[in-house]
Amino acid sequence: MSSSQRAESSHSFFKKYVSNKNSLMDFIIRFNRALRHQRHNELIADHIDVNEQPKLKTNWPMEVQMVKVYTKKKWLEFQSEMSESHGYHVKQTSTGVEIDFYDVINFQCPSSKPRVLMHDKLKDYISCSCTKFDFEGIPCRHMLAFFRINQVFQLPDKYILKRWTQDAKLGVTFVMCEEKM
């Protein structure tokens, strides 16, 4: 997420609670209300992540692995990408000592521009021209298609960003202060 997207997201959130017509005192009250509401929603999401397991569409080992790792929201995004990955064909276009290139082609629309995967054999790392992993932090359908045809059944740790896991808050300390006005 870029800094401008983050700013827009924050602006959109606080716009529901404050306006330029608020006095300073009213702003503080509304701001605190917004934070309480946000914390409440976060606690609900945490409860769902811990106590409810989403339904699996397949029993592919990677799906079974990731339902236990990702938060529900990220899991649903991952599951969508995983389902879509079954509609793609991976074809090696060039091979080298250190790097291989692959075209990932959509079965439904073979005339569409293929995505390009680059596999760095030394680092054992793949990257995709769609850049979904770089921007959203979850593997794209093209990467998942590559893993499937190469019989990679567990998502390697380097493709699991801690911020999207259920364990993201472990080791984080929250200090709650409530002051009466």
Protein backbone atom coordinates (compact mmCIF):
# COMPACT_ATOMS: atom_id res chain seq x y z
CA MET A 1 0.00 0.00 0.00
CA SER A 2 1.47 3.34 -1.00
CA SER A 3 1.61 6.33 1.36
CA SER A 4 -1.07 8.15 -0.63
CA GLN A 5 -3.38 5.11 -0.39
CA ARG A 6 -2.74 4.98 3.37
CA ALA A 7 -3.57 8.69 3.69
CA GLU A 8 -6.75 8.27 1.63
CA SER A 9 -7.77 5.30 3.76
CA SER A 10 -7.26 7.25 6.99
CA HIS A 11 -9.09 10.26 5.57
CA SER A 12 -12.02 8.08 4.53
CA PHE A 13 -12.18 6.48 7.98
CA PHE A 14 -12.10 9.73 9.99
CA LYS A 15 -14.43 11.52 7.58
CA LYS A 16 -17.26 9.41 9.04
CA TYR A 17 -16.61 10.87 12.50
CA VAL A 18 -15.26 14.41 12.18
CA SER A 19 -15.81 17.47 10.03
CA ASN A 20 -14.33 20.93 9.68
CA LYS A 21 -17.34 22.35 11.56
CA ASN A 22 -16.41 20.55 14.81
CA SER A 23 -15.01 22.52 17.73
CA LEU A 24 -11.71 21.31 19.17
CA MET A 25 -13.49 19.60 22.06
CA ASP A 26 -16.02 17.99 19.73
CA PHE A 27 -13.18 16.86 17.46
CA ILE A 28 -11.39 15.15 20.38
CA ILE A 29 -14.58 13.40 21.50
CA ARG A 30 -15.39 12.23 17.97
CA PHE A 31 -11.78 11.20 17.33
CA ASN A 32 -11.77 9.05 20.48
CA ARG A 33 -15.11 7.54 19.46
CA ALA A 34 -13.63 6.64 16.06
CA LEU A 35 -10.63 4.97 17.69
CA ARG A 36 -12.87 2.99 20.06
CA HIS A 37 -14.99 1.87 17.12
CA GLN A 38 -11.89 0.84 15.17
CA ARG A 39 -10.50 -1.11 18.16
CA HIS A 40 -13.86 -2.82 18.65
CA ASN A 41 -13.97 -3.92 15.00
CA GLU A 42 -10.40 -5.17 15.28
CA LEU A 43 -11.29 -7.25 18.35
CA ILE A 44 -14.23 -8.77 16.48
CA ALA A 45 -11.94 -9.64 13.54
CA ASP A 46 -9.39 -11.16 15.95
CA HIS A 47 -12.12 -13.25 17.57
CA ILE A 48 -13.25 -14.53 14.17
CA ASP A 49 -9.65 -15.36 13.17
CA VAL A 50 -9.09 -17.37 16.34
CA ASN A 51 -12.45 -19.11 16.69
CA GLU A 52 -13.84 -19.61 13.19
CA GLN A 53 -12.20 -21.50 10.35
CA PRO A 54 -13.36 -20.66 6.82
CA LYS A 55 -14.54 -23.44 4.52
CA LEU A 56 -12.02 -24.97 2.17
CA LYS A 57 -12.83 -25.26 -1.53
CA THR A 58 -10.20 -27.94 -2.13
CA ASN A 59 -7.97 -30.07 0.00
CA TRP A 60 -4.82 -28.85 -1.69
CA PRO A 61 -2.15 -28.92 1.08
CA MET A 62 -1.32 -25.24 0.52
CA GLU A 63 -4.95 -24.28 1.13
CA VAL A 64 -5.00 -26.35 4.33
CA GLN A 65 -1.72 -24.70 5.42
CA MET A 66 -2.76 -21.12 4.73
CA VAL A 67 -6.23 -21.27 6.31
CA LYS A 68 -4.38 -21.73 9.62
CA VAL A 69 -1.92 -18.89 8.92
CA TYR A 70 -3.70 -15.93 7.29
CA THR A 71 -6.32 -13.69 8.88
CA LYS A 72 -9.79 -14.39 7.53
CA LYS A 73 -9.77 -11.32 5.28
CA LYS A 74 -6.41 -12.20 3.70
CA TRP A 75 -7.38 -15.87 3.58
CA LEU A 76 -10.41 -15.06 1.43
CA GLU A 77 -8.19 -13.06 -0.95
CA PHE A 78 -5.67 -15.93 -1.07
CA GLN A 79 -8.43 -18.49 -1.66
CA SER A 80 -9.76 -16.43 -4.56
CA GLU A 81 -6.28 -16.25 -6.14
CA MET A 82 -5.80 -19.97 -5.56
CA SER A 83 -9.12 -20.81 -7.24
CA GLU A 84 -8.26 -18.59 -10.21
CA SER A 85 -4.81 -20.19 -10.54
CA HIS A 86 -6.42 -23.37 -11.86
CA GLY A 87 -7.35 -21.48 -15.03
CA TYR A 88 -3.73 -20.79 -16.00
CA HIS A 89 -1.06 -22.67 -17.93
CA VAL A 90 2.63 -22.14 -17.16
CA LYS A 91 5.11 -22.41 -20.03
CA GLN A 92 8.88 -22.01 -19.71
CA THR A 93 10.15 -19.45 -22.24
CA SER A 94 13.85 -19.30 -21.42
CA THR A 95 16.31 -20.94 -19.10
CA GLY A 96 19.63 -19.78 -17.79
CA VAL A 97 22.22 -20.67 -15.21
CA GLU A 98 20.67 -18.40 -12.57
CA ILE A 99 17.26 -17.33 -13.90
CA ASP A 100 14.39 -19.01 -15.74
CA PHE A 101 11.46 -17.16 -17.34
CA TYR A 102 7.92 -18.46 -17.73
CA ASP A 103 4.77 -17.21 -19.44
CA VAL A 104 1.57 -17.74 -17.50
CA ILE A 105 -1.38 -17.91 -19.88
CA ASN A 106 -5.09 -17.75 -19.06
CA PHE A 107 -6.97 -20.78 -20.50
CA GLN A 108 -10.18 -18.72 -20.73
CA CYS A 109 -8.57 -15.97 -22.79
CA PRO A 110 -5.46 -17.31 -24.57
CA SER A 111 -5.18 -14.14 -26.68
CA SER A 112 -4.68 -11.99 -23.56
CA LYS A 113 -1.18 -10.84 -22.71
CA PRO A 114 0.61 -13.52 -20.67
CA ARG A 115 2.12 -12.66 -17.30
CA VAL A 116 5.85 -13.25 -16.96
CA LEU A 117 7.30 -15.13 -14.01
CA MET A 118 10.98 -14.89 -13.20
CA HIS A 119 12.48 -17.72 -11.16
CA ASP A 120 15.80 -16.85 -9.52
CA LYS A 121 17.28 -20.30 -8.97
CA LEU A 122 20.08 -19.08 -6.69
CA LYS A 123 17.69 -17.38 -4.27
CA ASP A 124 14.89 -19.87 -5.04
CA TYR A 125 12.55 -16.92 -5.46
CA ILE A 126 9.86 -16.17 -8.03
CA SER A 127 8.41 -12.81 -8.98
CA CYS A 128 5.53 -11.98 -11.30
CA SER A 129 4.99 -9.13 -13.72
CA CYS A 130 1.55 -8.45 -12.19
CA THR A 131 3.31 -7.32 -8.95
CA LYS A 132 0.36 -8.36 -6.75
CA PHE A 133 2.70 -9.92 -4.20
CA ASP A 134 4.80 -6.74 -4.07
CA PHE A 135 1.79 -4.47 -3.49
CA GLU A 136 -0.75 -6.62 -1.64
CA GLY A 137 1.47 -9.12 0.14
CA ILE A 138 -0.18 -12.33 -1.02
CA PRO A 139 0.95 -14.59 -3.86
CA CYS A 140 -0.87 -13.97 -7.12
CA ARG A 141 -2.69 -16.61 -9.18
CA HIS A 142 0.27 -16.78 -11.57
CA MET A 143 2.71 -17.65 -8.78
CA LEU A 144 0.26 -20.20 -7.37
CA ALA A 145 -0.08 -21.82 -10.81
CA PHE A 146 3.73 -22.10 -10.92
CA PHE A 147 3.79 -23.70 -7.47
CA ARG A 148 1.05 -26.15 -8.45
CA ILE A 149 2.76 -27.40 -11.63
CA ASN A 150 6.07 -27.68 -9.78
CA GLN A 151 4.38 -29.66 -7.00
CA VAL A 152 5.16 -27.15 -4.25
CA PHE A 153 2.57 -28.18 -1.69
CA GLN A 154 3.47 -25.79 1.15
CA LEU A 155 3.82 -22.04 0.61
CA PRO A 156 7.44 -21.14 1.43
CA ASP A 157 7.87 -18.76 4.39
CA LYS A 158 9.39 -16.04 2.19
CA TYR A 159 5.96 -15.57 0.57
CA ILE A 160 4.10 -15.25 3.89
CA LEU A 161 4.23 -11.70 5.22
CA LYS A 162 3.78 -11.61 8.99
CA ARG A 163 1.47 -8.59 8.82
CA TRP A 164 -1.27 -10.76 7.23
CA THR A 165 -0.96 -13.68 9.66
CA GLN A 166 -3.04 -14.45 12.70
CA ASP A 167 0.19 -14.23 14.72
CA ALA A 168 0.99 -10.69 13.55
CA LYS A 169 0.26 -9.21 16.97
CA LEU A 170 2.41 -11.65 18.94
CA GLY A 171 5.18 -9.74 20.62
CA VAL A 172 3.36 -6.41 20.23
CA THR A 173 2.47 -4.60 23.44
CA PHE A 174 -0.51 -2.27 23.56
CA VAL A 175 -0.75 0.42 26.22
CA MET A 176 -4.26 1.60 26.93
CA CYS A 177 -4.72 4.96 28.61
CA GLU A 178 -8.09 6.39 29.44
CA GLU A 179 -8.29 9.93 30.71
CA LYS A 180 -11.43 11.55 32.01
CA MET A 181 -12.11 15.01 30.65
